[in-house]
Amino acid sequence: MSDRTLFIVTGMSGAGKSQVIRALEDTGVYCVDNLPIDLFPIFMELLEGAKGEMRPFLALGLDLREESWTSVSPPCTTPSASRP
């Protein structure tokens, strides 16, 4: 998925996640709101197989308070060797 940008939209209940998703969708971003965490790895596999058939910008509305998030999430950053 190197040629795509993935936005993960999260927040507390009532924080405006769905409004952000709708605003991104209005700008042409492919959006999925309230994707169950357990489906995240399957969704990512589907994106990998989609090749050029998907838009370059994607957004997911997720509830990261679910315990299973840490077991399915990809690393968001690469640790730096220069950090103490």
C-alpha atoms as a PDB file:
ATOM      1  CA  MET A   1       0.000   0.000   0.000  1.00  0.00           C
ATOM      2  CA  SER A   2       2.979   2.299  -0.507  1.00  0.00           C
ATOM      3  CA  ASP A   3       1.185   4.481  -3.059  1.00  0.00           C
ATOM      4  CA  ARG A   4      -1.778   5.164  -0.762  1.00  0.00           C
ATOM      5  CA  THR A   5      -2.343   7.336   2.280  1.00  0.00           C
ATOM      6  CA  LEU A   6      -4.386   5.887   5.136  1.00  0.00           C
ATOM      7  CA  PHE A   7      -6.032   8.182   7.662  1.00  0.00           C
ATOM      8  CA  ILE A   8      -7.235   6.612  10.899  1.00  0.00           C
ATOM      9  CA  VAL A   9      -9.950   8.689  12.548  1.00  0.00           C
ATOM     10  CA  THR A  10     -10.603   7.932  16.195  1.00  0.00           C
ATOM     11  CA  GLY A  11     -11.834   9.650  19.321  1.00  0.00           C
ATOM     12  CA  MET A  12     -14.220   9.484  22.214  1.00  0.00           C
ATOM     13  CA  SER A  13     -17.942   9.051  21.690  1.00  0.00           C
ATOM     14  CA  GLY A  14     -19.419  12.315  20.426  1.00  0.00           C
ATOM     15  CA  ALA A  15     -16.039  13.758  19.425  1.00  0.00           C
ATOM     16  CA  GLY A  16     -17.040  14.099  15.759  1.00  0.00           C
ATOM     17  CA  LYS A  17     -15.448  11.026  14.138  1.00  0.00           C
ATOM     18  CA  SER A  18     -18.383  10.512  11.778  1.00  0.00           C
ATOM     19  CA  GLN A  19     -18.402  14.203  10.837  1.00  0.00           C
ATOM     20  CA  VAL A  20     -14.700  14.029   9.949  1.00  0.00           C
ATOM     21  CA  ILE A  21     -15.300  10.877   7.905  1.00  0.00           C
ATOM     22  CA  ARG A  22     -18.151  12.578   6.017  1.00  0.00           C
ATOM     23  CA  ALA A  23     -15.997  15.663   5.357  1.00  0.00           C
ATOM     24  CA  LEU A  24     -13.150  13.504   4.030  1.00  0.00           C
ATOM     25  CA  GLU A  25     -15.619  11.584   1.871  1.00  0.00           C
ATOM     26  CA  ASP A  26     -16.843  14.888   0.400  1.00  0.00           C
ATOM     27  CA  THR A  27     -13.272  15.584  -0.763  1.00  0.00           C
ATOM     28  CA  GLY A  28     -13.017  12.256  -2.597  1.00  0.00           C
ATOM     29  CA  VAL A  29     -11.360  10.134   0.096  1.00  0.00           C
ATOM     30  CA  TYR A  30     -12.603   6.511   0.242  1.00  0.00           C
ATOM     31  CA  CYS A  31     -14.007   6.147   3.776  1.00  0.00           C
ATOM     32  CA  VAL A  32     -15.183   3.340   6.029  1.00  0.00           C
ATOM     33  CA  ASP A  33     -16.773   4.391   9.313  1.00  0.00           C
ATOM     34  CA  ASN A  34     -17.027   2.112  12.361  1.00  0.00           C
ATOM     35  CA  LEU A  35     -14.945  -0.719  10.928  1.00  0.00           C
ATOM     36  CA  PRO A  36     -14.746  -3.446  13.598  1.00  0.00           C
ATOM     37  CA  ILE A  37     -11.144  -3.787  14.787  1.00  0.00           C
ATOM     38  CA  ASP A  38     -11.144  -7.520  14.076  1.00  0.00           C
ATOM     39  CA  LEU A  39     -11.776  -6.750  10.370  1.00  0.00           C
ATOM     40  CA  PHE A  40      -8.850  -4.326  10.098  1.00  0.00           C
ATOM     41  CA  PRO A  41      -6.285  -6.954   8.964  1.00  0.00           C
ATOM     42  CA  ILE A  42      -8.737  -8.348   6.385  1.00  0.00           C
ATOM     43  CA  PHE A  43      -9.464  -4.833   5.111  1.00  0.00           C
ATOM     44  CA  MET A  44      -5.719  -4.184   4.719  1.00  0.00           C
ATOM     45  CA  GLU A  45      -5.288  -7.457   2.784  1.00  0.00           C
ATOM     46  CA  LEU A  46      -8.122  -6.453   0.454  1.00  0.00           C
ATOM     47  CA  LEU A  47      -6.437  -3.091  -0.148  1.00  0.00           C
ATOM     48  CA  GLU A  48      -3.180  -4.807  -1.056  1.00  0.00           C
ATOM     49  CA  GLY A  49      -4.999  -6.938  -3.615  1.00  0.00           C
ATOM     50  CA  ALA A  50      -6.913  -3.999  -5.098  1.00  0.00           C
ATOM     51  CA  LYS A  51      -3.808  -2.599  -6.882  1.00  0.00           C
ATOM     52  CA  GLY A  52      -4.857   0.516  -8.826  1.00  0.00           C
ATOM     53  CA  GLU A  53      -8.570  -0.034  -8.362  1.00  0.00           C
ATOM     54  CA  MET A  54      -8.772   1.992  -5.146  1.00  0.00           C
ATOM     55  CA  ARG A  55      -8.452   5.702  -4.578  1.00  0.00           C
ATOM     56  CA  PRO A  56      -5.048   6.902  -3.337  1.00  0.00           C
ATOM     57  CA  PHE A  57      -6.486   8.295  -0.085  1.00  0.00           C
ATOM     58  CA  LEU A  58      -8.369   6.154   2.424  1.00  0.00           C
ATOM     59  CA  ALA A  59      -9.861   6.908   5.834  1.00  0.00           C
ATOM     60  CA  LEU A  60     -11.067   4.537   8.530  1.00  0.00           C
ATOM     61  CA  GLY A  61     -13.243   5.475  11.466  1.00  0.00           C
ATOM     62  CA  LEU A  62     -12.126   3.155  14.276  1.00  0.00           C
ATOM     63  CA  ASP A  63     -12.787   2.740  17.974  1.00  0.00           C
ATOM     64  CA  LEU A  64      -9.241   2.203  19.229  1.00  0.00           C
ATOM     65  CA  ARG A  65     -10.460   1.627  22.777  1.00  0.00           C
ATOM     66  CA  GLU A  66     -11.077  -1.999  21.842  1.00  0.00           C
ATOM     67  CA  GLU A  67      -8.540  -4.291  23.507  1.00  0.00           C
ATOM     68  CA  SER A  68      -7.785  -6.159  20.299  1.00  0.00           C
ATOM     69  CA  TRP A  69      -6.386  -3.019  18.560  1.00  0.00           C
ATOM     70  CA  THR A  70      -2.831  -3.657  19.744  1.00  0.00           C
ATOM     71  CA  SER A  71      -2.863  -7.189  18.351  1.00  0.00           C
ATOM     72  CA  VAL A  72      -3.966  -6.153  14.825  1.00  0.00           C
ATOM     73  CA  SER A  73      -2.396  -2.714  14.383  1.00  0.00           C
ATOM     74  CA  PRO A  74       0.601  -2.261  12.120  1.00  0.00           C
ATOM     75  CA  PRO A  75       3.548  -0.341  13.557  1.00  0.00           C
ATOM     76  CA  CYS A  76       2.859   3.344  12.967  1.00  0.00           C
ATOM     77  CA  THR A  77       6.456   4.489  13.191  1.00  0.00           C
ATOM     78  CA  THR A  78       9.871   2.969  12.792  1.00  0.00           C
ATOM     79  CA  PRO A  79      11.976   3.252  15.953  1.00  0.00           C
ATOM     80  CA  SER A  80      14.954   5.532  15.489  1.00  0.00           C
ATOM     81  CA  ALA A  81      18.382   4.172  16.403  1.00  0.00           C
ATOM     82  CA  SER A  82      19.433   7.628  17.625  1.00  0.00           C
ATOM     83  CA  ARG A  83      16.735   7.799  20.301  1.00  0.00           C
ATOM     84  CA  PRO A  84      17.837   7.016  23.876  1.00  0.00           C
END
